[in-house]
PDB file of N, CA and C in Angstrom:
ATOM      1  N   MET A   1     -18.757   7.781   0.679  1.00  0.00           N
ATOM      2  CA  MET A   1     -17.636   8.169   0.847  1.00  0.00           C
ATOM      3  C   MET A   1     -17.427   8.162   2.423  1.00  0.00           C
ATOM      4  N   ILE A   2     -15.694   7.891   2.218  1.00  0.00           N
ATOM      5  CA  ILE A   2     -14.749   7.239   3.761  1.00  0.00           C
ATOM      6  C   ILE A   2     -14.174   9.039   3.917  1.00  0.00           C
ATOM      7  N   TYR A   3     -14.300   8.703   5.228  1.00  0.00           N
ATOM      8  CA  TYR A   3     -13.689  10.468   5.394  1.00  0.00           C
ATOM      9  C   TYR A   3     -12.323   9.701   6.258  1.00  0.00           C
ATOM     10  N   TYR A   4     -11.152  10.185   6.088  1.00  0.00           N
ATOM     11  CA  TYR A   4     -10.348   9.813   6.864  1.00  0.00           C
ATOM     12  C   TYR A   4     -10.011  10.882   7.525  1.00  0.00           C
ATOM     13  N   GLY A   5      -9.271  10.792   8.698  1.00  0.00           N
ATOM     14  CA  GLY A   5      -8.202  11.285   9.313  1.00  0.00           C
ATOM     15  C   GLY A   5      -6.896  11.772   9.266  1.00  0.00           C
ATOM     16  N   GLU A   6      -6.117  12.462  10.243  1.00  0.00           N
ATOM     17  CA  GLU A   6      -4.731  12.660   9.067  1.00  0.00           C
ATOM     18  C   GLU A   6      -3.839  11.474   9.096  1.00  0.00           C
ATOM     19  N   THR A   7      -3.466  10.427   9.683  1.00  0.00           N
ATOM     20  CA  THR A   7      -3.123   9.553  10.080  1.00  0.00           C
ATOM     21  C   THR A   7      -3.414   8.786   8.692  1.00  0.00           C
ATOM     22  N   GLU A   8      -4.932   8.340   8.439  1.00  0.00           N
ATOM     23  CA  GLU A   8      -5.071   7.534   7.477  1.00  0.00           C
ATOM     24  C   GLU A   8      -4.828   8.048   6.242  1.00  0.00           C
ATOM     25  N   LYS A   9      -4.815   9.468   6.481  1.00  0.00           N
ATOM     26  CA  LYS A   9      -5.124  10.883   4.393  1.00  0.00           C
ATOM     27  C   LYS A   9      -3.313  10.247   4.272  1.00  0.00           C
ATOM     28  N   TYR A  10      -2.540   9.898   5.552  1.00  0.00           N
ATOM     29  CA  TYR A  10      -0.933  10.090   5.513  1.00  0.00           C
ATOM     30  C   TYR A  10      -1.030   8.432   4.988  1.00  0.00           C
ATOM     31  N   VAL A  11      -1.239   7.744   5.393  1.00  0.00           N
ATOM     32  CA  VAL A  11      -0.938   6.328   4.749  1.00  0.00           C
ATOM     33  C   VAL A  11      -1.500   6.426   3.554  1.00  0.00           C
ATOM     34  N   ALA A  12      -2.648   6.383   3.428  1.00  0.00           N
ATOM     35  CA  ALA A  12      -3.218   6.325   1.820  1.00  0.00           C
ATOM     36  C   ALA A  12      -2.257   7.338   0.677  1.00  0.00           C
ATOM     37  N   SER A  13      -1.726   8.282   1.428  1.00  0.00           N
ATOM     38  CA  SER A  13      -0.675   9.153   0.455  1.00  0.00           C
ATOM     39  C   SER A  13       0.353   8.052   0.300  1.00  0.00           C
ATOM     40  N   LEU A  14       0.989   7.951   1.224  1.00  0.00           N
ATOM     41  CA  LEU A  14       2.206   6.980   1.204  1.00  0.00           C
ATOM     42  C   LEU A  14       1.675   5.609   0.544  1.00  0.00           C
ATOM     43  N   LEU A  15       0.750   5.141   0.224  1.00  0.00           N
ATOM     44  CA  LEU A  15       0.739   3.870  -0.390  1.00  0.00           C
ATOM     45  C   LEU A  15       0.751   4.142  -1.419  1.00  0.00           C
ATOM     46  N   GLU A  16       0.070   5.154  -2.227  1.00  0.00           N
ATOM     47  CA  GLU A  16      -0.367   5.547  -3.797  1.00  0.00           C
ATOM     48  C   GLU A  16       1.102   6.091  -3.838  1.00  0.00           C
ATOM     49  N   LYS A  17       1.443   6.580  -3.640  1.00  0.00           N
ATOM     50  CA  LYS A  17       3.296   6.745  -3.976  1.00  0.00           C
ATOM     51  C   LYS A  17       4.308   5.380  -4.286  1.00  0.00           C
ATOM     52  N   SER A  18       4.076   4.700  -2.973  1.00  0.00           N
ATOM     53  CA  SER A  18       4.736   3.870  -3.546  1.00  0.00           C
ATOM     54  C   SER A  18       4.407   2.664  -4.336  1.00  0.00           C
ATOM     55  N   VAL A  19       2.836   2.598  -4.417  1.00  0.00           N
ATOM     56  CA  VAL A  19       2.682   2.019  -5.545  1.00  0.00           C
ATOM     57  C   VAL A  19       3.105   2.121  -6.709  1.00  0.00           C
ATOM     58  N   ARG A  20       2.910   3.390  -7.174  1.00  0.00           N
ATOM     59  CA  ARG A  20       3.464   4.233  -8.501  1.00  0.00           C
ATOM     60  C   ARG A  20       5.006   4.048  -8.626  1.00  0.00           C
ATOM     61  N   VAL A  21       5.735   4.258  -7.618  1.00  0.00           N
ATOM     62  CA  VAL A  21       7.240   3.763  -7.763  1.00  0.00           C
ATOM     63  C   VAL A  21       7.474   2.761  -7.991  1.00  0.00           C
ATOM     64  N   VAL A  22       6.964   1.481  -7.537  1.00  0.00           N
ATOM     65  CA  VAL A  22       7.397  -0.061  -7.515  1.00  0.00           C
ATOM     66  C   VAL A  22       6.446  -0.386  -8.747  1.00  0.00           C
ATOM     67  N   SER A  23       5.635   0.470  -9.617  1.00  0.00           N
ATOM     68  CA  SER A  23       5.052  -0.242 -10.609  1.00  0.00           C
ATOM     69  C   SER A  23       5.997   0.876 -11.675  1.00  0.00           C
ATOM     70  N   LYS A  24       6.512   1.786 -11.514  1.00  0.00           N
ATOM     71  CA  LYS A  24       7.722   2.081 -12.819  1.00  0.00           C
ATOM     72  C   LYS A  24       9.076   1.806 -12.553  1.00  0.00           C
ATOM     73  N   ARG A  25       9.206   0.801 -11.326  1.00  0.00           N
ATOM     74  CA  ARG A  25      10.641   0.115 -11.103  1.00  0.00           C
ATOM     75  C   ARG A  25      10.037  -1.366 -12.191  1.00  0.00           C
ATOM     76  N   LEU A  26       8.936  -1.688 -12.058  1.00  0.00           N
ATOM     77  CA  LEU A  26       8.545  -3.234 -12.730  1.00  0.00           C
ATOM     78  C   LEU A  26       8.233  -2.980 -14.454  1.00  0.00           C
ATOM     79  N   ARG A  27       7.858  -1.743 -14.767  1.00  0.00           N
ATOM     80  CA  ARG A  27       6.840  -1.922 -15.873  1.00  0.00           C
ATOM     81  C   ARG A  27       7.144  -0.139 -16.487  1.00  0.00           C
ATOM     82  N   SER A  28       7.142   0.606 -17.703  1.00  0.00           N
ATOM     83  CA  SER A  28       7.472   1.344 -17.746  1.00  0.00           C
ATOM     84  C   SER A  28       6.831   2.701 -17.434  1.00  0.00           C
ATOM     85  N   ALA A  29       5.110   2.512 -17.274  1.00  0.00           N
ATOM     86  CA  ALA A  29       4.279   3.507 -16.904  1.00  0.00           C
ATOM     87  C   ALA A  29       3.817   2.485 -15.768  1.00  0.00           C
ATOM     88  N   PRO A  30       2.993   3.447 -14.946  1.00  0.00           N
ATOM     89  CA  PRO A  30       2.254   2.752 -13.625  1.00  0.00           C
ATOM     90  C   PRO A  30       0.857   2.362 -14.511  1.00  0.00           C
ATOM     91  N   PRO A  31      -0.098   1.571 -13.618  1.00  0.00           N
ATOM     92  CA  PRO A  31      -1.428   1.102 -13.771  1.00  0.00           C
ATOM     93  C   PRO A  31      -2.166   2.096 -14.088  1.00  0.00           C
ATOM     94  N   PRO A  32      -3.162   1.936 -14.953  1.00  0.00           N
ATOM     95  CA  PRO A  32      -4.385   3.002 -15.344  1.00  0.00           C
ATOM     96  C   PRO A  32      -4.271   3.656 -13.788  1.00  0.00           C
ATOM     97  N   PRO A  33      -5.490   4.784 -13.963  1.00  0.00           N
ATOM     98  CA  PRO A  33      -5.879   5.321 -12.996  1.00  0.00           C
ATOM     99  C   PRO A  33      -7.155   4.473 -11.854  1.00  0.00           C
ATOM    100  N   ASN A  34      -7.628   3.859 -13.126  1.00  0.00           N
ATOM    101  CA  ASN A  34      -8.788   3.153 -12.685  1.00  0.00           C
ATOM    102  C   ASN A  34      -8.730   1.790 -12.046  1.00  0.00           C
ATOM    103  N   GLU A  35      -7.392   1.687 -12.014  1.00  0.00           N
ATOM    104  CA  GLU A  35      -7.102   0.407 -11.643  1.00  0.00           C
ATOM    105  C   GLU A  35      -6.112   0.760 -10.216  1.00  0.00           C
ATOM    106  N   VAL A  36      -5.574   1.645  -9.935  1.00  0.00           N
ATOM    107  CA  VAL A  36      -5.407   2.297  -8.622  1.00  0.00           C
ATOM    108  C   VAL A  36      -6.250   3.129  -7.432  1.00  0.00           C
ATOM    109  N   LYS A  37      -7.361   2.615  -7.504  1.00  0.00           N
ATOM    110  CA  LYS A  37      -8.253   3.161  -6.760  1.00  0.00           C
ATOM    111  C   LYS A  37      -7.947   2.308  -5.219  1.00  0.00           C
ATOM    112  N   LEU A  38      -7.857   3.464  -4.630  1.00  0.00           N
ATOM    113  CA  LEU A  38      -6.961   2.879  -3.226  1.00  0.00           C
ATOM    114  C   LEU A  38      -8.157   2.886  -2.289  1.00  0.00           C
ATOM    115  N   GLU A  39      -7.809   1.800  -1.457  1.00  0.00           N
ATOM    116  CA  GLU A  39      -9.432   1.799  -0.380  1.00  0.00           C
ATOM    117  C   GLU A  39      -8.662   1.661   0.924  1.00  0.00           C
ATOM    118  N   LEU A  40      -8.434   1.937   1.703  1.00  0.00           N
ATOM    119  CA  LEU A  40      -8.033   1.728   3.024  1.00  0.00           C
ATOM    120  C   LEU A  40      -9.174   0.988   3.480  1.00  0.00           C
ATOM    121  N   GLU A  41      -9.377  -0.504   4.502  1.00  0.00           N
ATOM    122  CA  GLU A  41      -9.616  -0.849   4.916  1.00  0.00           C
ATOM    123  C   GLU A  41      -9.752  -0.891   6.743  1.00  0.00           C
ATOM    124  N   PHE A  42     -10.376  -1.024   7.108  1.00  0.00           N
ATOM    125  CA  PHE A  42     -10.316  -1.170   9.428  1.00  0.00           C
ATOM    126  C   PHE A  42     -10.786  -2.573   9.633  1.00  0.00           C
ATOM    127  N   PRO A  43      -9.876  -3.404   9.888  1.00  0.00           N
ATOM    128  CA  PRO A  43     -10.729  -4.486   9.968  1.00  0.00           C
ATOM    129  C   PRO A  43     -11.060  -4.590  11.292  1.00  0.00           C
ATOM    130  N   LYS A  44     -12.075  -5.482  11.550  1.00  0.00           N
ATOM    131  CA  LYS A  44     -12.607  -5.589  12.998  1.00  0.00           C
ATOM    132  C   LYS A  44     -12.519  -6.029  13.654  1.00  0.00           C
ATOM    133  N   GLU A  45     -11.707  -7.718  13.317  1.00  0.00           N
ATOM    134  CA  GLU A  45     -10.572  -8.113  14.260  1.00  0.00           C
ATOM    135  C   GLU A  45      -9.110  -7.822  14.163  1.00  0.00           C
ATOM    136  N   LYS A  46      -9.033  -7.216  15.520  1.00  0.00           N
ATOM    137  CA  LYS A  46      -7.549  -6.337  16.018  1.00  0.00           C
ATOM    138  C   LYS A  46      -6.333  -7.363  14.992  1.00  0.00           C
ATOM    139  N   SER A  47      -5.975  -8.651  15.322  1.00  0.00           N
ATOM    140  CA  SER A  47      -5.083  -9.447  14.793  1.00  0.00           C
ATOM    141  C   SER A  47      -4.809  -9.007  13.310  1.00  0.00           C
ATOM    142  N   HIS A  48      -6.020  -8.558  12.950  1.00  0.00           N
ATOM    143  CA  HIS A  48      -5.644  -8.514  11.219  1.00  0.00           C
ATOM    144  C   HIS A  48      -4.874  -6.925  11.128  1.00  0.00           C
ATOM    145  N   GLY A  49      -4.829  -6.241  12.034  1.00  0.00           N
ATOM    146  CA  GLY A  49      -3.985  -4.599  12.273  1.00  0.00           C
ATOM    147  C   GLY A  49      -5.015  -3.849  11.825  1.00  0.00           C
ATOM    148  N   GLU A  50      -4.569  -2.807  12.078  1.00  0.00           N
ATOM    149  CA  GLU A  50      -5.295  -1.218  11.936  1.00  0.00           C
ATOM    150  C   GLU A  50      -5.974  -0.614  10.844  1.00  0.00           C
ATOM    151  N   ILE A  51      -5.141  -1.116   9.747  1.00  0.00           N
ATOM    152  CA  ILE A  51      -5.378  -0.290   8.567  1.00  0.00           C
ATOM    153  C   ILE A  51      -5.009  -1.635   7.414  1.00  0.00           C
ATOM    154  N   SER A  52      -5.576  -1.921   6.608  1.00  0.00           N
ATOM    155  CA  SER A  52      -5.235  -2.741   5.452  1.00  0.00           C
ATOM    156  C   SER A  52      -5.597  -2.366   4.337  1.00  0.00           C
ATOM    157  N   ALA A  53      -4.635  -2.505   3.178  1.00  0.00           N
ATOM    158  CA  ALA A  53      -5.282  -2.735   1.503  1.00  0.00           C
ATOM    159  C   ALA A  53      -5.139  -3.689   0.829  1.00  0.00           C
ATOM    160  N   ASN A  54      -5.691  -3.366  -0.657  1.00  0.00           N
ATOM    161  CA  ASN A  54      -5.877  -4.635  -1.050  1.00  0.00           C
ATOM    162  C   ASN A  54      -5.188  -4.291  -2.194  1.00  0.00           C
ATOM    163  N   ILE A  55      -4.907  -3.169  -2.475  1.00  0.00           N
ATOM    164  CA  ILE A  55      -3.955  -2.949  -3.634  1.00  0.00           C
ATOM    165  C   ILE A  55      -3.120  -3.709  -4.713  1.00  0.00           C
ATOM    166  N   ALA A  56      -2.263  -4.530  -3.977  1.00  0.00           N
ATOM    167  CA  ALA A  56      -1.211  -5.375  -4.452  1.00  0.00           C
ATOM    168  C   ALA A  56      -2.044  -6.223  -5.249  1.00  0.00           C
ATOM    169  N   MET A  57      -3.248  -6.708  -4.866  1.00  0.00           N
ATOM    170  CA  MET A  57      -4.433  -7.709  -5.141  1.00  0.00           C
ATOM    171  C   MET A  57      -4.930  -7.367  -6.810  1.00  0.00           C
ATOM    172  N   LYS A  58      -5.206  -5.762  -6.305  1.00  0.00           N
ATOM    173  CA  LYS A  58      -6.003  -5.373  -8.064  1.00  0.00           C
ATOM    174  C   LYS A  58      -5.215  -4.678  -9.033  1.00  0.00           C
ATOM    175  N   ILE A  59      -3.754  -4.939  -8.578  1.00  0.00           N
ATOM    176  CA  ILE A  59      -3.168  -4.346 -10.100  1.00  0.00           C
ATOM    177  C   ILE A  59      -2.195  -5.525 -10.147  1.00  0.00           C
ATOM    178  N   SER A  60      -2.184  -5.976  -9.434  1.00  0.00           N
ATOM    179  CA  SER A  60      -0.945  -7.187  -9.654  1.00  0.00           C
ATOM    180  C   SER A  60      -1.039  -8.017 -11.303  1.00  0.00           C
ATOM    181  N   LYS A  61      -2.258  -7.919 -11.655  1.00  0.00           N
ATOM    182  CA  LYS A  61      -2.018  -8.765 -13.158  1.00  0.00           C
ATOM    183  C   LYS A  61      -1.410  -7.508 -14.304  1.00  0.00           C
ATOM    184  N   SER A  62      -2.166  -6.650 -14.149  1.00  0.00           N
ATOM    185  CA  SER A  62      -1.162  -5.152 -15.053  1.00  0.00           C
ATOM    186  C   SER A  62       0.147  -5.157 -15.225  1.00  0.00           C
ATOM    187  N   ILE A  63       0.360  -5.124 -13.213  1.00  0.00           N
ATOM    188  CA  ILE A  63       1.853  -5.309 -13.804  1.00  0.00           C
ATOM    189  C   ILE A  63       2.832  -6.857 -14.058  1.00  0.00           C
ATOM    190  N   GLY A  64       1.748  -7.573 -13.886  1.00  0.00           N
ATOM    191  CA  GLY A  64       2.744  -8.710 -13.779  1.00  0.00           C
ATOM    192  C   GLY A  64       3.525  -9.070 -13.437  1.00  0.00           C
ATOM    193  N   GLU A  65       2.885  -9.071 -11.699  1.00  0.00           N
ATOM    194  CA  GLU A  65       3.559 -10.207 -10.296  1.00  0.00           C
ATOM    195  C   GLU A  65       3.012 -10.585  -9.891  1.00  0.00           C
ATOM    196  N   GLU A  66       3.442 -11.725  -8.529  1.00  0.00           N
ATOM    197  CA  GLU A  66       2.398 -12.123  -8.194  1.00  0.00           C
ATOM    198  C   GLU A  66       1.845 -11.574  -7.014  1.00  0.00           C
ATOM    199  N   PRO A  67       0.676 -11.403  -6.671  1.00  0.00           N
ATOM    200  CA  PRO A  67       0.298 -10.153  -5.373  1.00  0.00           C
ATOM    201  C   PRO A  67       0.897 -10.356  -4.126  1.00  0.00           C
ATOM    202  N   LEU A  68       1.596 -11.579  -3.681  1.00  0.00           N
ATOM    203  CA  LEU A  68       2.004 -10.872  -2.106  1.00  0.00           C
ATOM    204  C   LEU A  68       3.300 -10.762  -2.550  1.00  0.00           C
ATOM    205  N   ARG A  69       4.082 -10.928  -3.540  1.00  0.00           N
ATOM    206  CA  ARG A  69       5.590  -9.966  -4.043  1.00  0.00           C
ATOM    207  C   ARG A  69       5.559  -8.853  -4.041  1.00  0.00           C
ATOM    208  N   LEU A  70       4.832  -8.719  -4.776  1.00  0.00           N
ATOM    209  CA  LEU A  70       4.138  -7.258  -5.174  1.00  0.00           C
ATOM    210  C   LEU A  70       3.807  -6.156  -3.816  1.00  0.00           C
ATOM    211  N   ALA A  71       2.740  -6.919  -2.970  1.00  0.00           N
ATOM    212  CA  ALA A  71       3.103  -6.348  -1.635  1.00  0.00           C
ATOM    213  C   ALA A  71       4.157  -6.043  -1.182  1.00  0.00           C
ATOM    214  N   GLY A  72       4.789  -6.868  -0.902  1.00  0.00           N
ATOM    215  CA  GLY A  72       6.159  -6.833  -0.450  1.00  0.00           C
ATOM    216  C   GLY A  72       7.193  -5.322  -0.925  1.00  0.00           C
ATOM    217  N   LEU A  73       7.319  -5.633  -2.042  1.00  0.00           N
ATOM    218  CA  LEU A  73       7.812  -4.483  -3.044  1.00  0.00           C
ATOM    219  C   LEU A  73       7.411  -3.035  -2.423  1.00  0.00           C
ATOM    220  N   ILE A  74       5.932  -3.017  -2.343  1.00  0.00           N
ATOM    221  CA  ILE A  74       4.861  -2.019  -1.967  1.00  0.00           C
ATOM    222  C   ILE A  74       5.625  -1.406  -0.840  1.00  0.00           C
ATOM    223  N   LYS A  75       5.274  -2.521   0.531  1.00  0.00           N
ATOM    224  CA  LYS A  75       5.711  -2.142   2.075  1.00  0.00           C
ATOM    225  C   LYS A  75       7.003  -1.779   2.088  1.00  0.00           C
ATOM    226  N   ASP A  76       8.094  -2.628   1.363  1.00  0.00           N
ATOM    227  CA  ASP A  76       9.577  -2.244   1.442  1.00  0.00           C
ATOM    228  C   ASP A  76       9.643  -0.592   1.209  1.00  0.00           C
ATOM    229  N   GLU A  77       8.662  -0.264  -0.101  1.00  0.00           N
ATOM    230  CA  GLU A  77       8.988   1.175  -0.658  1.00  0.00           C
ATOM    231  C   GLU A  77       8.408   2.129   0.388  1.00  0.00           C
ATOM    232  N   MET A  78       7.353   1.539   1.164  1.00  0.00           N
ATOM    233  CA  MET A  78       6.672   2.350   2.186  1.00  0.00           C
ATOM    234  C   MET A  78       7.316   2.745   3.396  1.00  0.00           C
ATOM    235  N   GLU A  79       8.009   1.910   3.690  1.00  0.00           N
ATOM    236  CA  GLU A  79       8.847   1.491   5.002  1.00  0.00           C
ATOM    237  C   GLU A  79      10.318   2.814   4.626  1.00  0.00           C
ATOM    238  N   ARG A  80      10.933   2.728   3.427  1.00  0.00           N
ATOM    239  CA  ARG A  80      12.095   3.754   3.093  1.00  0.00           C
ATOM    240  C   ARG A  80      11.344   4.874   2.949  1.00  0.00           C
ATOM    241  N   ARG A  81      10.182   5.326   2.532  1.00  0.00           N
ATOM    242  CA  ARG A  81       9.859   6.838   2.820  1.00  0.00           C
ATOM    243  C   ARG A  81       9.408   6.946   4.007  1.00  0.00           C
ATOM    244  N   ILE A  82       8.731   6.149   5.074  1.00  0.00           N
ATOM    245  CA  ILE A  82       8.459   6.723   6.352  1.00  0.00           C
ATOM    246  C   ILE A  82       9.852   7.266   7.210  1.00  0.00           C
ATOM    247  N   ARG A  83      10.452   6.627   7.235  1.00  0.00           N
ATOM    248  CA  ARG A  83      12.291   6.678   7.573  1.00  0.00           C
ATOM    249  C   ARG A  83      12.864   8.569   7.649  1.00  0.00           C
ATOM    250  N   SER A  84      12.286   8.741   6.732  1.00  0.00           N
ATOM    251  CA  SER A  84      12.792  10.245   5.933  1.00  0.00           C
ATOM    252  C   SER A  84      11.090  11.059   6.251  1.00  0.00           C
ATOM    253  N   SER A  85      10.347  10.926   6.818  1.00  0.00           N
ATOM    254  CA  SER A  85       9.294  11.656   7.150  1.00  0.00           C
ATOM    255  C   SER A  85       8.645  12.224   8.299  1.00  0.00           C
ATOM    256  N   LYS A  86       7.781  13.126   8.440  1.00  0.00           N
ATOM    257  CA  LYS A  86       7.221  13.262   9.693  1.00  0.00           C
ATOM    258  C   LYS A  86       6.677  12.374  10.562  1.00  0.00           C
ATOM    259  N   MET A  87       6.609  11.085   9.813  1.00  0.00           N
ATOM    260  CA  MET A  87       5.375   9.939  10.362  1.00  0.00           C
ATOM    261  C   MET A  87       6.574   9.085  11.140  1.00  0.00           C
ATOM    262  N   LYS A  88       7.931   9.207  11.118  1.00  0.00           N
ATOM    263  CA  LYS A  88       8.807   8.472  11.360  1.00  0.00           C
ATOM    264  C   LYS A  88       8.324   8.001  12.974  1.00  0.00           C
ATOM    265  N   GLY A  89       8.263   6.676  13.602  1.00  0.00           N
ATOM    266  CA  GLY A  89       8.080   6.190  14.791  1.00  0.00           C
ATOM    267  C   GLY A  89       6.594   6.151  15.048  1.00  0.00           C
ATOM    268  N   ALA A  90       5.569   7.201  14.419  1.00  0.00           N
ATOM    269  CA  ALA A  90       3.785   6.938  14.317  1.00  0.00           C
ATOM    270  C   ALA A  90       3.856   5.626  13.672  1.00  0.00           C
ATOM    271  N   ILE A  91       4.302   4.790  12.993  1.00  0.00           N
ATOM    272  CA  ILE A  91       3.906   4.073  12.808  1.00  0.00           C
ATOM    273  C   ILE A  91       4.712   2.761  13.026  1.00  0.00           C
ATOM    274  N   ASP A  92       3.804   2.037  13.605  1.00  0.00           N
ATOM    275  CA  ASP A  92       4.544   0.517  14.222  1.00  0.00           C
ATOM    276  C   ASP A  92       5.620  -0.212  13.241  1.00  0.00           C
ATOM    277  N   ARG A  93       4.540  -0.513  12.006  1.00  0.00           N
ATOM    278  CA  ARG A  93       5.245  -1.655  11.558  1.00  0.00           C
ATOM    279  C   ARG A  93       4.047  -1.879   9.926  1.00  0.00           C
ATOM    280  N   ILE A  94       5.031  -2.321   8.923  1.00  0.00           N
ATOM    281  CA  ILE A  94       4.170  -2.779   7.990  1.00  0.00           C
ATOM    282  C   ILE A  94       4.058  -4.239   7.608  1.00  0.00           C
ATOM    283  N   GLU A  95       3.092  -4.710   7.460  1.00  0.00           N
ATOM    284  CA  GLU A  95       3.411  -6.108   7.115  1.00  0.00           C
ATOM    285  C   GLU A  95       2.864  -6.400   5.917  1.00  0.00           C
ATOM    286  N   THR A  96       2.850  -7.602   5.231  1.00  0.00           N
ATOM    287  CA  THR A  96       2.178  -8.381   4.204  1.00  0.00           C
ATOM    288  C   THR A  96       1.642  -9.454   4.198  1.00  0.00           C
ATOM    289  N   ARG A  97       0.469  -9.663   4.079  1.00  0.00           N
ATOM    290  CA  ARG A  97      -0.487 -11.335   4.727  1.00  0.00           C
ATOM    291  C   ARG A  97      -0.688 -11.432   3.374  1.00  0.00           C
ATOM    292  N   PRO A  98      -1.010 -13.118   2.785  1.00  0.00           N
ATOM    293  CA  PRO A  98      -1.505 -13.592   1.579  1.00  0.00           C
ATOM    294  C   PRO A  98      -2.972 -13.398   1.433  1.00  0.00           C
ATOM    295  N   PRO A  99      -3.136 -13.300   0.627  1.00  0.00           N
ATOM    296  CA  PRO A  99      -3.066 -13.518  -1.044  1.00  0.00           C
ATOM    297  C   PRO A  99      -2.397 -12.133  -1.269  1.00  0.00           C
ATOM    298  N   GLY A 100      -2.235 -11.163  -0.652  1.00  0.00           N
ATOM    299  CA  GLY A 100      -1.597  -9.792  -0.633  1.00  0.00           C
ATOM    300  C   GLY A 100      -1.506  -8.531  -0.340  1.00  0.00           C
ATOM    301  N   PHE A 101      -2.480  -8.828   0.890  1.00  0.00           N
ATOM    302  CA  PHE A 101      -2.701  -7.785   1.708  1.00  0.00           C
ATOM    303  C   PHE A 101      -1.377  -6.982   2.102  1.00  0.00           C
ATOM    304  N   ILE A 102      -1.255  -5.752   2.357  1.00  0.00           N
ATOM    305  CA  ILE A 102      -0.499  -4.828   3.021  1.00  0.00           C
ATOM    306  C   ILE A 102      -1.001  -4.134   4.469  1.00  0.00           C
TER     307      ILE A 102
END
């Protein structure tokens, strides 16, 4: 089991909510909960970011979108939510990378 600090908990929650919003925009229902198992990764290589997630690659088939495009839509939703949250300014940036990492 992975234990997250407050920032990681916020990022995980933000990512999960953003996935649900984007999936609803693209289809009538979000992917099944067993497909939306969210896992944050902490890359050893600093140039790969501080936190990453491959959720877009996991759910892309069930949603019917290319993973990188889906990652971009999720990123946009996350940024929209951050602008009006208590974490505004605490998260420097969100990026997407092929084949569909956030």
